[in-house]
Protein backbone atom coordinates (compact mmCIF):
# COMPACT_ATOMS: atom_id res chain seq x y z
CA UNK A 1 104.54 70.39 -3.63
CA UNK A 2 102.07 70.59 -6.54
CA UNK A 3 101.54 74.31 -6.85
CA UNK A 4 99.30 76.61 -8.85
CA UNK A 5 100.46 78.10 -12.13
CA UNK A 6 99.69 81.65 -10.98
CA UNK A 7 98.74 83.40 -7.72
CA UNK A 8 95.21 82.55 -6.62
CA UNK A 9 92.48 85.17 -6.55
CA UNK A 10 90.26 85.51 -3.47
CA UNK A 11 86.50 85.84 -3.79
CA UNK A 12 83.15 85.17 -2.15
CA UNK A 13 80.94 82.36 -3.43
CA UNK A 14 77.52 83.56 -4.52
CA UNK A 15 76.18 80.29 -5.90
CA UNK A 16 77.12 77.03 -7.56
CA UNK A 17 74.83 75.86 -10.34
CA UNK A 18 74.55 73.30 -13.14
CA UNK A 19 77.28 71.40 -11.28
CA UNK A 20 80.20 72.91 -13.18
CA UNK A 21 79.64 76.64 -12.70
CA UNK A 22 80.05 79.03 -9.78
CA UNK A 23 79.34 82.74 -9.53
CA UNK A 24 82.05 84.38 -7.45
CA UNK A 25 82.33 87.99 -6.30
CA UNK A 26 86.01 88.90 -6.48
CA UNK A 27 87.73 90.38 -3.45
CA UNK A 28 91.30 90.39 -4.77
CA UNK A 29 92.51 92.09 -7.90
CA UNK A 30 93.99 89.92 -10.62
CA UNK A 31 96.15 90.47 -13.71
CA UNK A 32 93.14 90.36 -16.00
CA UNK A 33 91.38 93.46 -14.74
CA UNK A 34 90.38 95.80 -11.89
CA UNK A 35 88.99 94.55 -8.59
CA UNK A 36 85.91 96.78 -8.79
CA UNK A 37 83.71 98.53 -11.32
CA UNK A 38 83.74 102.30 -11.62
CA UNK A 39 80.84 102.54 -9.16
CA UNK A 40 82.75 100.46 -6.62
CA UNK A 41 80.74 97.29 -7.15
CA UNK A 42 82.96 94.18 -6.88
CA UNK A 43 83.09 92.25 -10.16
CA UNK A 44 81.37 88.88 -10.39
CA UNK A 45 82.97 86.15 -12.48
CA UNK A 46 81.82 82.70 -13.54
CA UNK A 47 84.33 80.08 -12.41
CA UNK A 48 84.67 76.50 -13.56
CA UNK A 49 83.88 73.97 -10.83
CA UNK A 50 85.88 70.78 -11.46
CA UNK A 51 83.87 68.67 -9.03
CA UNK A 52 80.95 66.37 -9.85
CA UNK A 53 79.86 65.79 -6.25
CA UNK A 54 77.41 67.78 -4.17
CA UNK A 55 80.28 69.55 -2.38
CA UNK A 56 78.19 69.53 0.78
CA UNK A 57 80.00 71.21 3.73
CA UNK A 58 82.42 73.07 1.45
CA UNK A 59 80.25 75.11 -0.94
CA UNK A 60 77.97 77.26 1.21
CA UNK A 61 76.98 80.59 -0.38
CA UNK A 62 78.97 83.37 1.23
CA UNK A 63 82.05 81.21 1.74
CA UNK A 64 85.45 82.65 0.93
CA UNK A 65 86.95 80.84 -2.04
CA UNK A 66 90.19 80.91 -3.99
CA UNK A 67 90.31 80.80 -7.78
CA UNK A 68 93.09 80.12 -10.25
CA UNK A 69 93.19 82.29 -13.36
CA UNK A 70 94.20 81.25 -16.85
CA UNK A 71 93.89 83.82 -19.66
CA UNK A 72 94.17 81.23 -22.45
CA UNK A 73 91.69 82.45 -25.10
CA UNK A 74 90.80 78.84 -25.91
CA UNK A 75 89.26 78.41 -22.45
CA UNK A 76 85.55 79.10 -22.08
CA UNK A 77 86.08 80.12 -18.44
CA UNK A 78 89.28 81.80 -17.27
CA UNK A 79 88.72 81.10 -13.56
CA UNK A 80 88.72 77.73 -11.79
CA UNK A 81 87.53 77.18 -8.22
CA UNK A 82 90.43 75.61 -6.32
CA UNK A 83 89.90 76.08 -2.57
CA UNK A 84 87.19 76.89 -0.05
CA UNK A 85 88.18 78.67 3.16
CA UNK A 86 86.51 77.30 6.29
CA UNK A 87 84.88 79.77 8.73
CA UNK A 88 87.36 78.85 11.46
CA UNK A 89 90.33 78.86 9.12
CA UNK A 90 91.87 76.18 6.96
CA UNK A 91 91.40 75.36 3.29
CA UNK A 92 89.43 72.62 1.53
CA UNK A 93 90.68 71.40 -1.84
CA UNK A 94 87.66 71.17 -4.15
CA UNK A 95 89.29 70.80 -7.57
CA UNK A 96 89.14 67.05 -8.19
CA UNK A 97 91.75 67.23 -10.96
CA UNK A 98 94.51 67.91 -8.40
CA UNK A 99 94.57 64.95 -5.95
CA UNK A 100 96.35 62.58 -8.35
CA UNK A 101 99.31 64.96 -8.61
CA UNK A 102 99.41 65.46 -4.84
CA UNK A 103 99.49 61.72 -4.17
CA UNK A 104 101.91 60.96 -7.01
CA UNK A 105 104.41 63.52 -5.75
CA UNK A 106 104.15 62.16 -2.21
CA UNK A 107 104.80 58.60 -3.40
CA UNK A 108 107.76 59.70 -5.53
CA UNK A 109 109.22 61.56 -2.55
CA UNK A 110 108.85 58.53 -0.27
CA UNK A 111 106.40 60.28 2.04
CA UNK A 112 103.96 57.36 2.11
CA UNK A 113 105.99 54.48 3.60
CA UNK A 114 103.56 51.73 2.63
CA UNK A 115 103.88 52.76 -1.03
CA UNK A 116 107.65 53.22 -1.04
CA UNK A 117 110.15 51.05 -2.88
CA UNK A 118 108.68 51.11 -6.38
CA UNK A 119 111.05 52.16 -9.16
CA UNK A 120 108.42 53.24 -11.67
CA UNK A 121 105.28 55.39 -11.34
CA UNK A 122 102.78 56.00 -14.12
CA UNK A 123 99.65 58.11 -14.00
CA UNK A 124 96.48 57.27 -15.93
CA UNK A 125 97.91 53.87 -16.85
CA UNK A 126 95.73 51.35 -18.70
CA UNK A 127 94.77 48.29 -16.66
CA UNK A 128 92.29 46.82 -19.16
CA UNK A 129 90.85 47.62 -22.57
CA UNK A 130 88.23 49.86 -21.00
CA UNK A 131 89.89 51.20 -17.85
CA UNK A 132 92.80 53.20 -16.56
CA UNK A 133 93.97 53.58 -12.99
CA UNK A 134 95.01 56.83 -11.36
CA UNK A 135 98.50 55.57 -10.48
CA UNK A 136 100.34 52.38 -11.42
CA UNK A 137 103.48 51.46 -9.50
CA UNK A 138 106.00 48.92 -10.79
CA UNK A 139 108.60 47.59 -8.36
CA UNK A 140 111.39 46.88 -10.84
CA UNK A 141 110.06 47.61 -14.32
CA UNK A 142 109.31 44.00 -15.18
CA UNK A 143 105.55 44.24 -14.64
CA UNK A 144 105.66 41.33 -12.19
CA UNK A 145 105.23 43.36 -8.99
CA UNK A 146 102.59 46.02 -9.55
CA UNK A 147 100.45 48.23 -7.36
CA UNK A 148 97.24 49.73 -8.77
CA UNK A 149 95.94 52.85 -6.99
CA UNK A 150 92.62 54.66 -7.28
CA UNK A 151 92.33 58.07 -5.60
CA UNK A 152 89.22 59.83 -4.32
CA UNK A 153 89.01 63.46 -3.23
CA UNK A 154 87.27 63.42 0.15
CA UNK A 155 85.70 66.60 1.56
CA UNK A 156 82.37 65.77 3.25
CA UNK A 157 82.40 66.64 6.98
CA UNK A 158 80.06 64.52 9.12
CA UNK A 159 80.55 64.97 12.86
CA UNK A 160 84.11 64.04 13.75
CA UNK A 161 84.65 62.26 10.41
CA UNK A 162 85.40 63.10 6.81
CA UNK A 163 83.35 60.83 4.55
CA UNK A 164 83.14 59.62 0.95
CA UNK A 165 81.15 59.86 -1.21
CA UNK A 166 79.10 63.06 -0.98
CA UNK A 167 76.74 61.80 -3.72
CA UNK A 168 75.79 58.42 -5.16
CA UNK A 169 78.72 57.33 -7.32
CA UNK A 170 78.37 54.63 -9.96
CA UNK A 171 81.87 55.44 -11.18
CA UNK A 172 83.30 54.96 -7.70
CA UNK A 173 81.49 51.64 -7.41
CA UNK A 174 82.99 50.53 -10.72
CA UNK A 175 86.49 51.41 -9.48
CA UNK A 176 86.02 49.36 -6.31
CA UNK A 177 84.87 46.35 -8.30
CA UNK A 178 87.84 46.64 -10.64
CA UNK A 179 90.25 46.85 -7.71
CA UNK A 180 88.59 43.84 -6.09
CA UNK A 181 89.00 41.80 -9.26
CA UNK A 182 92.67 42.72 -9.54
CA UNK A 183 93.31 41.95 -5.88
CA UNK A 184 91.88 38.47 -6.31
CA UNK A 185 94.39 37.81 -9.12
CA UNK A 186 97.27 38.74 -6.83
CA UNK A 187 97.82 42.33 -7.97
CA UNK A 188 98.30 44.74 -5.09
CA UNK A 189 95.32 47.11 -5.20
CA UNK A 190 94.84 50.28 -3.17
CA UNK A 191 91.83 52.55 -2.65
CA UNK A 192 93.35 55.86 -1.54
CA UNK A 193 91.13 58.54 0.03
CA UNK A 194 92.74 61.98 0.03
CA UNK A 195 91.17 63.84 2.97
CA UNK A 196 91.33 67.27 1.42
CA UNK A 197 90.47 69.44 4.41
CA UNK A 198 92.16 70.14 7.78
CA UNK A 199 89.37 69.07 10.16
CA UNK A 200 87.86 65.71 11.08
CA UNK A 201 89.58 62.96 13.06
CA UNK A 202 88.77 59.87 10.98
CA UNK A 203 87.70 58.72 7.52
CA UNK A 204 84.55 56.68 6.95
CA UNK A 205 82.31 55.60 4.10
CA UNK A 206 79.14 57.71 3.83
CA UNK A 207 76.67 54.84 4.07
CA UNK A 208 73.78 57.27 4.60
CA UNK A 209 74.45 58.76 1.16
CA UNK A 210 75.49 55.71 -0.86
CA UNK A 211 74.91 52.39 0.94
CA UNK A 212 75.95 50.45 -2.16
CA UNK A 213 79.37 52.10 -2.15
CA UNK A 214 79.84 51.56 1.58
CA UNK A 215 78.97 47.90 1.18
CA UNK A 216 81.28 47.53 -1.80
CA UNK A 217 84.14 49.08 0.18
CA UNK A 218 83.74 46.46 2.89
CA UNK A 219 83.56 43.72 0.27
CA UNK A 220 86.66 45.08 -1.48
CA UNK A 221 88.62 44.93 1.76
CA UNK A 222 87.50 41.34 2.29
CA UNK A 223 88.73 40.51 -1.22
CA UNK A 224 92.18 41.96 -0.58
CA UNK A 225 91.98 45.66 -1.48
CA UNK A 226 93.99 47.93 0.81
CA UNK A 227 92.30 51.13 1.97
CA UNK A 228 94.38 54.18 2.87
CA UNK A 229 93.43 57.68 3.98
CA UNK A 230 95.88 60.56 4.14
CA UNK A 231 95.32 64.26 4.67
CA UNK A 232 96.25 66.97 2.19
CA UNK A 233 97.76 70.13 3.67
CA UNK A 234 96.55 73.04 1.55
CA UNK A 235 97.73 76.59 1.12
CA UNK A 236 97.13 79.25 -1.51
CA UNK A 237 100.45 78.32 -3.12
CA UNK A 238 100.01 74.55 -3.30
CA UNK A 239 99.18 71.28 -1.55
CA UNK A 240 101.12 68.38 -0.12
CA UNK A 241 100.53 65.15 1.79
CA UNK A 242 100.32 65.52 5.55
CA UNK A 243 99.49 62.82 8.08
CA UNK A 244 97.75 59.48 7.73
CA UNK A 245 94.09 59.49 8.83
CA UNK A 246 92.47 56.69 10.82
CA UNK A 247 89.75 54.68 9.09
CA UNK A 248 86.43 53.82 10.72
CA UNK A 249 84.52 50.98 9.09
CA UNK A 250 81.80 50.36 11.67
CA UNK A 251 79.48 53.23 10.65
């Protein structure tokens, strides 16, 4: 399973701000220093937040969070926010740089039957002069039987569903249109939603947040794009693909 390079550090989220920053009060000690100041006050660190969405339902102040730590002096921030712990237990994967590795490993291991049987897997492969896809599968290395996959980290809880997106996404819309165009030329094209939290029974498009994206998803399906949703099983040591999630398109 795609793991973390070092043990994660537990903390309490104080606030997220300017999209990419989070103030976190540390609970655990870490190799870089003591867990508390001399007066007993827990240290507060600024962590990098690798997520451009609103993170609604997984970034409430006071939430327990888990951070990775990298002492590389070239980094502006040594901590990265990886996971949010839900009040009832379970972990939400909030670092959007990780889903591609989780899905790629699952495909390579044959854990996603509908994507099995391809001899070659490339990540961040060019599909046009301007665009790359998250994963490109090639059945036999000849380039004649390809599968183009785009992956979206999905964390928004709405009732019994987990929904995407959690904010208006022009980039996501662009990806759907590119997949639709490829599908119409006969290239197998897949929109893959990684449900990166343990709760919720189904996946759906968040029409109430981005109606254009929800409409484009329906149109993409009509034009031949396959839509898949699978759950990520997260722990403080790593993440792996779990079970397939049902898709609801009538919302």
